[in-house]
PDB file of N, CA and C in Angstrom:
ATOM      1  N   MET A   1      31.557  25.694  55.178  1.00  0.00           N
ATOM      2  CA  MET A   1      31.217  24.105  54.629  1.00  0.00           C
ATOM      3  C   MET A   1      31.157  23.544  55.741  1.00  0.00           C
ATOM      4  N   LYS A   2      30.175  22.394  55.573  1.00  0.00           N
ATOM      5  CA  LYS A   2      29.678  21.447  56.448  1.00  0.00           C
ATOM      6  C   LYS A   2      30.626  20.695  57.298  1.00  0.00           C
ATOM      7  N   GLU A   3      30.585  19.999  58.244  1.00  0.00           N
ATOM      8  CA  GLU A   3      31.734  19.457  59.069  1.00  0.00           C
ATOM      9  C   GLU A   3      31.648  17.935  58.207  1.00  0.00           C
ATOM     10  N   ARG A   4      30.435  17.415  57.656  1.00  0.00           N
ATOM     11  CA  ARG A   4      30.567  16.236  57.393  1.00  0.00           C
ATOM     12  C   ARG A   4      31.456  16.383  55.882  1.00  0.00           C
ATOM     13  N   ARG A   5      31.264  17.320  55.184  1.00  0.00           N
ATOM     14  CA  ARG A   5      31.873  17.373  53.739  1.00  0.00           C
ATOM     15  C   ARG A   5      33.620  17.591  54.231  1.00  0.00           C
ATOM     16  N   CYS A   6      33.599  18.093  55.317  1.00  0.00           N
ATOM     17  CA  CYS A   6      35.093  18.487  55.525  1.00  0.00           C
ATOM     18  C   CYS A   6      35.780  17.287  56.079  1.00  0.00           C
ATOM     19  N   ARG A   7      35.188  16.457  56.792  1.00  0.00           N
ATOM     20  CA  ARG A   7      35.490  15.056  57.034  1.00  0.00           C
ATOM     21  C   ARG A   7      36.027  14.137  55.851  1.00  0.00           C
ATOM     22  N   LYS A   8      35.140  13.991  54.759  1.00  0.00           N
ATOM     23  CA  LYS A   8      35.278  13.086  53.637  1.00  0.00           C
ATOM     24  C   LYS A   8      36.553  14.027  53.176  1.00  0.00           C
ATOM     25  N   ILE A   9      36.635  15.256  52.885  1.00  0.00           N
ATOM     26  CA  ILE A   9      37.765  15.572  51.919  1.00  0.00           C
ATOM     27  C   ILE A   9      39.095  15.257  52.960  1.00  0.00           C
ATOM     28  N   ALA A  10      38.877  15.595  54.189  1.00  0.00           N
ATOM     29  CA  ALA A  10      39.967  15.168  55.111  1.00  0.00           C
ATOM     30  C   ALA A  10      40.648  13.665  55.138  1.00  0.00           C
ATOM     31  N   ARG A  11      39.758  12.857  54.755  1.00  0.00           N
ATOM     32  CA  ARG A  11      39.862  11.519  54.736  1.00  0.00           C
ATOM     33  C   ARG A  11      40.479  11.427  53.378  1.00  0.00           C
ATOM     34  N   ARG A  12      40.070  11.853  52.414  1.00  0.00           N
ATOM     35  CA  ARG A  12      41.160  11.640  51.071  1.00  0.00           C
ATOM     36  C   ARG A  12      42.365  12.438  51.048  1.00  0.00           C
ATOM     37  N   LEU A  13      42.316  13.269  51.658  1.00  0.00           N
ATOM     38  CA  LEU A  13      43.805  13.909  51.881  1.00  0.00           C
ATOM     39  C   LEU A  13      44.660  13.089  52.631  1.00  0.00           C
ATOM     40  N   GLN A  14      44.254  12.477  53.410  1.00  0.00           N
ATOM     41  CA  GLN A  14      45.044  11.615  54.521  1.00  0.00           C
ATOM     42  C   GLN A  14      45.254  10.353  53.765  1.00  0.00           C
ATOM     43  N   LEU A  15      44.528   9.735  52.929  1.00  0.00           N
ATOM     44  CA  LEU A  15      45.060   8.632  51.978  1.00  0.00           C
ATOM     45  C   LEU A  15      45.757   9.041  51.094  1.00  0.00           C
ATOM     46  N   LEU A  16      45.905  10.390  50.359  1.00  0.00           N
ATOM     47  CA  LEU A  16      46.804  10.732  49.454  1.00  0.00           C
ATOM     48  C   LEU A  16      48.036  11.442  50.155  1.00  0.00           C
ATOM     49  N   SER A  17      48.167  11.348  51.202  1.00  0.00           N
ATOM     50  CA  SER A  17      49.489  11.900  52.122  1.00  0.00           C
ATOM     51  C   SER A  17      50.499  10.792  52.135  1.00  0.00           C
ATOM     52  N   HIS A  18      50.013   9.426  51.572  1.00  0.00           N
ATOM     53  CA  HIS A  18      51.029   8.454  51.535  1.00  0.00           C
ATOM     54  C   HIS A  18      51.784   8.458  50.235  1.00  0.00           C
ATOM     55  N   PRO A  19      53.029   8.360  49.992  1.00  0.00           N
ATOM     56  CA  PRO A  19      53.614   8.620  48.907  1.00  0.00           C
ATOM     57  C   PRO A  19      53.240   7.949  47.811  1.00  0.00           C
ATOM     58  N   VAL A  20      53.022   6.491  48.128  1.00  0.00           N
ATOM     59  CA  VAL A  20      53.204   5.434  47.367  1.00  0.00           C
ATOM     60  C   VAL A  20      51.496   5.448  46.916  1.00  0.00           C
ATOM     61  N   ARG A  21      50.880   5.695  47.537  1.00  0.00           N
ATOM     62  CA  ARG A  21      49.213   5.656  47.087  1.00  0.00           C
ATOM     63  C   ARG A  21      48.930   6.792  46.192  1.00  0.00           C
ATOM     64  N   LEU A  22      49.886   8.243  46.457  1.00  0.00           N
ATOM     65  CA  LEU A  22      49.635   9.229  45.369  1.00  0.00           C
ATOM     66  C   LEU A  22      50.230   8.936  44.392  1.00  0.00           C
ATOM     67  N   ARG A  23      51.364   8.093  44.184  1.00  0.00           N
ATOM     68  CA  ARG A  23      51.835   7.620  42.974  1.00  0.00           C
ATOM     69  C   ARG A  23      50.979   6.675  41.914  1.00  0.00           C
ATOM     70  N   ILE A  24      50.243   5.850  42.871  1.00  0.00           N
ATOM     71  CA  ILE A  24      49.554   4.936  42.228  1.00  0.00           C
ATOM     72  C   ILE A  24      48.313   6.102  41.499  1.00  0.00           C
ATOM     73  N   VAL A  25      47.676   6.729  42.517  1.00  0.00           N
ATOM     74  CA  VAL A  25      46.618   7.706  41.813  1.00  0.00           C
ATOM     75  C   VAL A  25      46.983   8.499  40.597  1.00  0.00           C
ATOM     76  N   THR A  26      48.331   8.899  40.938  1.00  0.00           N
ATOM     77  CA  THR A  26      49.099   9.593  39.635  1.00  0.00           C
ATOM     78  C   THR A  26      48.760   8.925  38.519  1.00  0.00           C
ATOM     79  N   GLU A  27      49.501   7.419  38.405  1.00  0.00           N
ATOM     80  CA  GLU A  27      49.257   6.669  37.350  1.00  0.00           C
ATOM     81  C   GLU A  27      47.894   6.234  36.867  1.00  0.00           C
ATOM     82  N   LEU A  28      47.188   6.212  37.457  1.00  0.00           N
ATOM     83  CA  LEU A  28      45.784   5.719  37.258  1.00  0.00           C
ATOM     84  C   LEU A  28      45.105   6.897  36.693  1.00  0.00           C
ATOM     85  N   ARG A  29      45.599   8.152  36.941  1.00  0.00           N
ATOM     86  CA  ARG A  29      45.082   9.300  36.250  1.00  0.00           C
ATOM     87  C   ARG A  29      44.988   8.915  34.796  1.00  0.00           C
ATOM     88  N   LYS A  30      46.000   8.839  34.695  1.00  0.00           N
ATOM     89  CA  LYS A  30      46.819   8.397  32.905  1.00  0.00           C
ATOM     90  C   LYS A  30      45.776   7.550  32.328  1.00  0.00           C
ATOM     91  N   LYS A  31      45.617   6.426  32.962  1.00  0.00           N
ATOM     92  CA  LYS A  31      45.288   5.409  32.032  1.00  0.00           C
ATOM     93  C   LYS A  31      44.712   4.221  33.572  1.00  0.00           C
ATOM     94  N   GLU A  32      44.142   3.457  32.974  1.00  0.00           N
ATOM     95  CA  GLU A  32      43.949   2.242  33.856  1.00  0.00           C
ATOM     96  C   GLU A  32      45.311   0.866  33.721  1.00  0.00           C
ATOM     97  N   ALA A  33      45.242   0.185  34.811  1.00  0.00           N
ATOM     98  CA  ALA A  33      46.545  -0.582  34.897  1.00  0.00           C
ATOM     99  C   ALA A  33      45.894  -1.530  35.556  1.00  0.00           C
ATOM    100  N   CYS A  34      46.851  -2.592  35.445  1.00  0.00           N
ATOM    101  CA  CYS A  34      46.766  -3.987  36.601  1.00  0.00           C
ATOM    102  C   CYS A  34      48.119  -3.791  37.462  1.00  0.00           C
ATOM    103  N   VAL A  35      48.060  -4.616  38.316  1.00  0.00           N
ATOM    104  CA  VAL A  35      49.234  -4.585  39.593  1.00  0.00           C
ATOM    105  C   VAL A  35      50.482  -4.555  38.972  1.00  0.00           C
ATOM    106  N   SER A  36      50.700  -5.612  37.848  1.00  0.00           N
ATOM    107  CA  SER A  36      52.064  -5.767  37.121  1.00  0.00           C
ATOM    108  C   SER A  36      52.733  -4.579  36.615  1.00  0.00           C
ATOM    109  N   GLU A  37      51.539  -3.984  35.677  1.00  0.00           N
ATOM    110  CA  GLU A  37      52.012  -2.233  35.281  1.00  0.00           C
ATOM    111  C   GLU A  37      52.320  -1.476  36.315  1.00  0.00           C
ATOM    112  N   LEU A  38      51.922  -1.256  37.300  1.00  0.00           N
ATOM    113  CA  LEU A  38      51.741  -0.569  38.345  1.00  0.00           C
ATOM    114  C   LEU A  38      53.154  -0.701  39.133  1.00  0.00           C
ATOM    115  N   GLN A  39      53.472  -1.948  39.240  1.00  0.00           N
ATOM    116  CA  GLN A  39      54.884  -2.443  39.855  1.00  0.00           C
ATOM    117  C   GLN A  39      55.953  -2.105  39.228  1.00  0.00           C
ATOM    118  N   ALA A  40      55.724  -2.102  37.721  1.00  0.00           N
ATOM    119  CA  ALA A  40      57.016  -2.158  37.028  1.00  0.00           C
ATOM    120  C   ALA A  40      57.206  -0.591  37.267  1.00  0.00           C
ATOM    121  N   VAL A  41      56.419   0.236  36.914  1.00  0.00           N
ATOM    122  CA  VAL A  41      56.597   1.678  37.061  1.00  0.00           C
ATOM    123  C   VAL A  41      56.979   2.020  38.428  1.00  0.00           C
ATOM    124  N   LEU A  42      56.587   1.613  39.383  1.00  0.00           N
ATOM    125  CA  LEU A  42      56.694   2.292  41.063  1.00  0.00           C
ATOM    126  C   LEU A  42      57.779   1.509  41.407  1.00  0.00           C
ATOM    127  N   ASP A  43      58.383   0.293  40.984  1.00  0.00           N
ATOM    128  CA  ASP A  43      59.521  -0.461  41.681  1.00  0.00           C
ATOM    129  C   ASP A  43      59.231  -0.906  42.773  1.00  0.00           C
ATOM    130  N   ARG A  44      58.207  -1.389  43.127  1.00  0.00           N
ATOM    131  CA  ARG A  44      57.631  -1.824  44.736  1.00  0.00           C
ATOM    132  C   ARG A  44      57.180  -3.295  44.356  1.00  0.00           C
ATOM    133  N   PRO A  45      57.263  -3.962  45.464  1.00  0.00           N
ATOM    134  CA  PRO A  45      56.820  -5.560  45.337  1.00  0.00           C
ATOM    135  C   PRO A  45      55.200  -5.647  45.152  1.00  0.00           C
ATOM    136  N   GLN A  46      54.969  -6.665  44.344  1.00  0.00           N
ATOM    137  CA  GLN A  46      53.359  -6.865  44.151  1.00  0.00           C
ATOM    138  C   GLN A  46      52.431  -6.762  45.333  1.00  0.00           C
ATOM    139  N   PRO A  47      52.814  -7.596  46.202  1.00  0.00           N
ATOM    140  CA  PRO A  47      51.938  -7.391  47.311  1.00  0.00           C
ATOM    141  C   PRO A  47      51.660  -6.030  48.190  1.00  0.00           C
ATOM    142  N   TYR A  48      52.969  -5.113  48.269  1.00  0.00           N
ATOM    143  CA  TYR A  48      52.754  -4.107  48.552  1.00  0.00           C
ATOM    144  C   TYR A  48      52.079  -3.020  47.652  1.00  0.00           C
ATOM    145  N   ILE A  49      51.996  -3.122  46.528  1.00  0.00           N
ATOM    146  CA  ILE A  49      51.036  -2.358  45.764  1.00  0.00           C
ATOM    147  C   ILE A  49      49.555  -3.025  45.693  1.00  0.00           C
ATOM    148  N   SER A  50      49.208  -4.037  46.063  1.00  0.00           N
ATOM    149  CA  SER A  50      48.210  -4.698  46.016  1.00  0.00           C
ATOM    150  C   SER A  50      47.504  -4.050  47.217  1.00  0.00           C
ATOM    151  N   GLN A  51      48.271  -4.163  48.480  1.00  0.00           N
ATOM    152  CA  GLN A  51      47.648  -3.815  49.568  1.00  0.00           C
ATOM    153  C   GLN A  51      47.426  -2.210  49.637  1.00  0.00           C
ATOM    154  N   GLN A  52      48.264  -1.427  48.688  1.00  0.00           N
ATOM    155  CA  GLN A  52      47.645   0.126  48.686  1.00  0.00           C
ATOM    156  C   GLN A  52      46.472   0.201  47.961  1.00  0.00           C
ATOM    157  N   LEU A  53      46.401  -0.580  46.661  1.00  0.00           N
ATOM    158  CA  LEU A  53      45.319  -0.089  45.824  1.00  0.00           C
ATOM    159  C   LEU A  53      44.089  -1.022  46.852  1.00  0.00           C
ATOM    160  N   CYS A  54      43.911  -1.823  47.635  1.00  0.00           N
ATOM    161  CA  CYS A  54      42.945  -2.475  48.429  1.00  0.00           C
ATOM    162  C   CYS A  54      42.495  -1.086  49.498  1.00  0.00           C
ATOM    163  N   VAL A  55      43.469  -0.655  49.809  1.00  0.00           N
ATOM    164  CA  VAL A  55      43.079   0.793  50.671  1.00  0.00           C
ATOM    165  C   VAL A  55      42.461   1.891  50.082  1.00  0.00           C
ATOM    166  N   LEU A  56      42.872   1.990  48.533  1.00  0.00           N
ATOM    167  CA  LEU A  56      42.071   3.059  47.682  1.00  0.00           C
ATOM    168  C   LEU A  56      41.001   2.623  47.468  1.00  0.00           C
ATOM    169  N   ARG A  57      40.835   1.445  46.849  1.00  0.00           N
ATOM    170  CA  ARG A  57      39.608   0.653  46.730  1.00  0.00           C
ATOM    171  C   ARG A  57      38.430   0.931  47.622  1.00  0.00           C
ATOM    172  N   GLN A  58      38.801   0.423  48.758  1.00  0.00           N
ATOM    173  CA  GLN A  58      38.178   0.548  50.172  1.00  0.00           C
ATOM    174  C   GLN A  58      37.403   2.104  50.410  1.00  0.00           C
ATOM    175  N   ALA A  59      38.069   2.970  49.806  1.00  0.00           N
ATOM    176  CA  ALA A  59      37.947   4.345  50.320  1.00  0.00           C
ATOM    177  C   ALA A  59      37.008   4.906  49.077  1.00  0.00           C
ATOM    178  N   GLY A  60      36.969   3.990  47.966  1.00  0.00           N
ATOM    179  CA  GLY A  60      36.193   4.490  46.837  1.00  0.00           C
ATOM    180  C   GLY A  60      36.754   5.497  45.727  1.00  0.00           C
ATOM    181  N   ILE A  61      38.314   5.451  46.078  1.00  0.00           N
ATOM    182  CA  ILE A  61      38.947   6.264  44.863  1.00  0.00           C
ATOM    183  C   ILE A  61      39.097   5.792  43.830  1.00  0.00           C
ATOM    184  N   VAL A  62      39.251   4.185  43.881  1.00  0.00           N
ATOM    185  CA  VAL A  62      39.923   3.588  42.700  1.00  0.00           C
ATOM    186  C   VAL A  62      38.635   2.031  42.770  1.00  0.00           C
ATOM    187  N   ALA A  63      38.282   1.914  41.377  1.00  0.00           N
ATOM    188  CA  ALA A  63      37.517   0.502  41.302  1.00  0.00           C
ATOM    189  C   ALA A  63      38.303  -0.216  40.498  1.00  0.00           C
ATOM    190  N   CYS A  64      37.497  -1.769  40.129  1.00  0.00           N
ATOM    191  CA  CYS A  64      38.767  -2.300  39.350  1.00  0.00           C
ATOM    192  C   CYS A  64      37.477  -3.329  38.712  1.00  0.00           C
ATOM    193  N   ARG A  65      37.900  -3.785  37.596  1.00  0.00           N
ATOM    194  CA  ARG A  65      37.504  -4.919  36.592  1.00  0.00           C
ATOM    195  C   ARG A  65      38.406  -6.194  36.280  1.00  0.00           C
ATOM    196  N   LYS A  66      37.651  -7.147  36.316  1.00  0.00           N
ATOM    197  CA  LYS A  66      38.648  -8.426  36.177  1.00  0.00           C
ATOM    198  C   LYS A  66      38.722  -8.679  34.342  1.00  0.00           C
ATOM    199  N   GLU A  67      39.731  -9.054  33.916  1.00  0.00           N
ATOM    200  CA  GLU A  67      39.745  -9.192  32.539  1.00  0.00           C
ATOM    201  C   GLU A  67      40.581 -10.779  32.514  1.00  0.00           C
ATOM    202  N   GLY A  68      40.137 -11.749  32.322  1.00  0.00           N
ATOM    203  CA  GLY A  68      41.088 -13.056  32.374  1.00  0.00           C
ATOM    204  C   GLY A  68      41.603 -13.149  33.585  1.00  0.00           C
ATOM    205  N   GLN A  69      42.799 -12.981  33.919  1.00  0.00           N
ATOM    206  CA  GLN A  69      43.498 -13.375  35.221  1.00  0.00           C
ATOM    207  C   GLN A  69      43.860 -12.148  35.644  1.00  0.00           C
ATOM    208  N   PHE A  70      43.849 -11.027  35.001  1.00  0.00           N
ATOM    209  CA  PHE A  70      44.048  -9.586  35.524  1.00  0.00           C
ATOM    210  C   PHE A  70      42.986  -8.906  36.007  1.00  0.00           C
ATOM    211  N   VAL A  71      43.382  -7.917  37.120  1.00  0.00           N
ATOM    212  CA  VAL A  71      42.621  -6.828  37.672  1.00  0.00           C
ATOM    213  C   VAL A  71      42.993  -5.737  37.016  1.00  0.00           C
ATOM    214  N   TYR A  72      42.192  -5.023  36.717  1.00  0.00           N
ATOM    215  CA  TYR A  72      42.727  -3.566  36.119  1.00  0.00           C
ATOM    216  C   TYR A  72      41.897  -2.658  37.040  1.00  0.00           C
ATOM    217  N   TYR A  73      42.813  -1.688  37.588  1.00  0.00           N
ATOM    218  CA  TYR A  73      42.265  -0.664  38.451  1.00  0.00           C
ATOM    219  C   TYR A  73      42.401   0.707  37.820  1.00  0.00           C
ATOM    220  N   ARG A  74      41.328   1.760  37.924  1.00  0.00           N
ATOM    221  CA  ARG A  74      41.074   2.969  37.452  1.00  0.00           C
ATOM    222  C   ARG A  74      40.395   3.902  38.412  1.00  0.00           C
ATOM    223  N   LEU A  75      40.955   5.392  38.384  1.00  0.00           N
ATOM    224  CA  LEU A  75      40.805   6.109  39.172  1.00  0.00           C
ATOM    225  C   LEU A  75      38.928   6.631  38.860  1.00  0.00           C
ATOM    226  N   VAL A  76      38.185   6.703  40.008  1.00  0.00           N
ATOM    227  CA  VAL A  76      36.908   6.821  40.034  1.00  0.00           C
ATOM    228  C   VAL A  76      36.302   8.273  40.773  1.00  0.00           C
ATOM    229  N   ASP A  77      37.218   8.245  41.743  1.00  0.00           N
ATOM    230  CA  ASP A  77      36.657   9.784  42.326  1.00  0.00           C
ATOM    231  C   ASP A  77      36.964  10.951  41.615  1.00  0.00           C
ATOM    232  N   PRO A  78      35.953  11.597  41.296  1.00  0.00           N
ATOM    233  CA  PRO A  78      36.116  12.908  40.742  1.00  0.00           C
ATOM    234  C   PRO A  78      37.044  13.873  41.295  1.00  0.00           C
ATOM    235  N   PHE A  79      36.966  14.208  42.717  1.00  0.00           N
ATOM    236  CA  PHE A  79      37.437  15.140  43.685  1.00  0.00           C
ATOM    237  C   PHE A  79      38.743  14.767  43.594  1.00  0.00           C
ATOM    238  N   VAL A  80      39.228  13.510  43.551  1.00  0.00           N
ATOM    239  CA  VAL A  80      40.710  13.207  43.672  1.00  0.00           C
ATOM    240  C   VAL A  80      41.131  13.606  42.369  1.00  0.00           C
ATOM    241  N   GLU A  81      40.481  13.251  41.468  1.00  0.00           N
ATOM    242  CA  GLU A  81      41.181  13.654  39.724  1.00  0.00           C
ATOM    243  C   GLU A  81      41.494  14.896  39.696  1.00  0.00           C
ATOM    244  N   GLN A  82      40.315  15.568  40.209  1.00  0.00           N
ATOM    245  CA  GLN A  82      40.689  17.202  40.116  1.00  0.00           C
ATOM    246  C   GLN A  82      41.729  17.288  40.922  1.00  0.00           C
ATOM    247  N   LEU A  83      41.861  16.883  42.012  1.00  0.00           N
ATOM    248  CA  LEU A  83      43.122  17.332  42.942  1.00  0.00           C
ATOM    249  C   LEU A  83      44.530  17.029  42.532  1.00  0.00           C
ATOM    250  N   VAL A  84      44.501  15.569  41.919  1.00  0.00           N
ATOM    251  CA  VAL A  84      45.589  15.100  41.399  1.00  0.00           C
ATOM    252  C   VAL A  84      46.362  16.186  40.188  1.00  0.00           C
ATOM    253  N   ASP A  85      45.261  16.517  39.514  1.00  0.00           N
ATOM    254  CA  ASP A  85      45.698  17.363  38.304  1.00  0.00           C
ATOM    255  C   ASP A  85      45.917  18.665  38.881  1.00  0.00           C
ATOM    256  N   ASP A  86      45.612  19.215  39.623  1.00  0.00           N
ATOM    257  CA  ASP A  86      45.841  20.299  40.002  1.00  0.00           C
ATOM    258  C   ASP A  86      47.345  20.661  40.485  1.00  0.00           C
ATOM    259  N   ILE A  87      47.356  19.146  41.427  1.00  0.00           N
ATOM    260  CA  ILE A  87      48.871  19.109  41.931  1.00  0.00           C
ATOM    261  C   ILE A  87      50.019  18.842  40.732  1.00  0.00           C
ATOM    262  N   VAL A  88      49.631  17.667  40.039  1.00  0.00           N
ATOM    263  CA  VAL A  88      50.625  17.522  39.029  1.00  0.00           C
ATOM    264  C   VAL A  88      51.024  18.209  37.764  1.00  0.00           C
ATOM    265  N   ILE A  89      50.057  19.310  37.405  1.00  0.00           N
ATOM    266  CA  ILE A  89      50.111  20.360  36.397  1.00  0.00           C
ATOM    267  C   ILE A  89      51.178  21.616  37.517  1.00  0.00           C
ATOM    268  N   GLN A  90      50.731  21.777  38.306  1.00  0.00           N
ATOM    269  CA  GLN A  90      51.748  22.686  39.066  1.00  0.00           C
ATOM    270  C   GLN A  90      53.179  22.277  39.258  1.00  0.00           C
TER     271      GLN A  90
END
């Protein structure tokens, strides 16, 4: 495997090593969600959830769309989706 690919994979794994980010990705694996929905499931403050979503969005793991006053997030990285599927299933 080339070093560039290894670095890209290592970066994703590093991002997912954060427990809350991993929980967010696990939830988004099921369906897209807005911050308030994630807040209810994760029992964390809204600013904290938003901060973690920003990190995931900047890394290209999640994307968002705006609908009225709400911003909905979805998982867009197929590598991360497969990785989380493998982890959660076991």
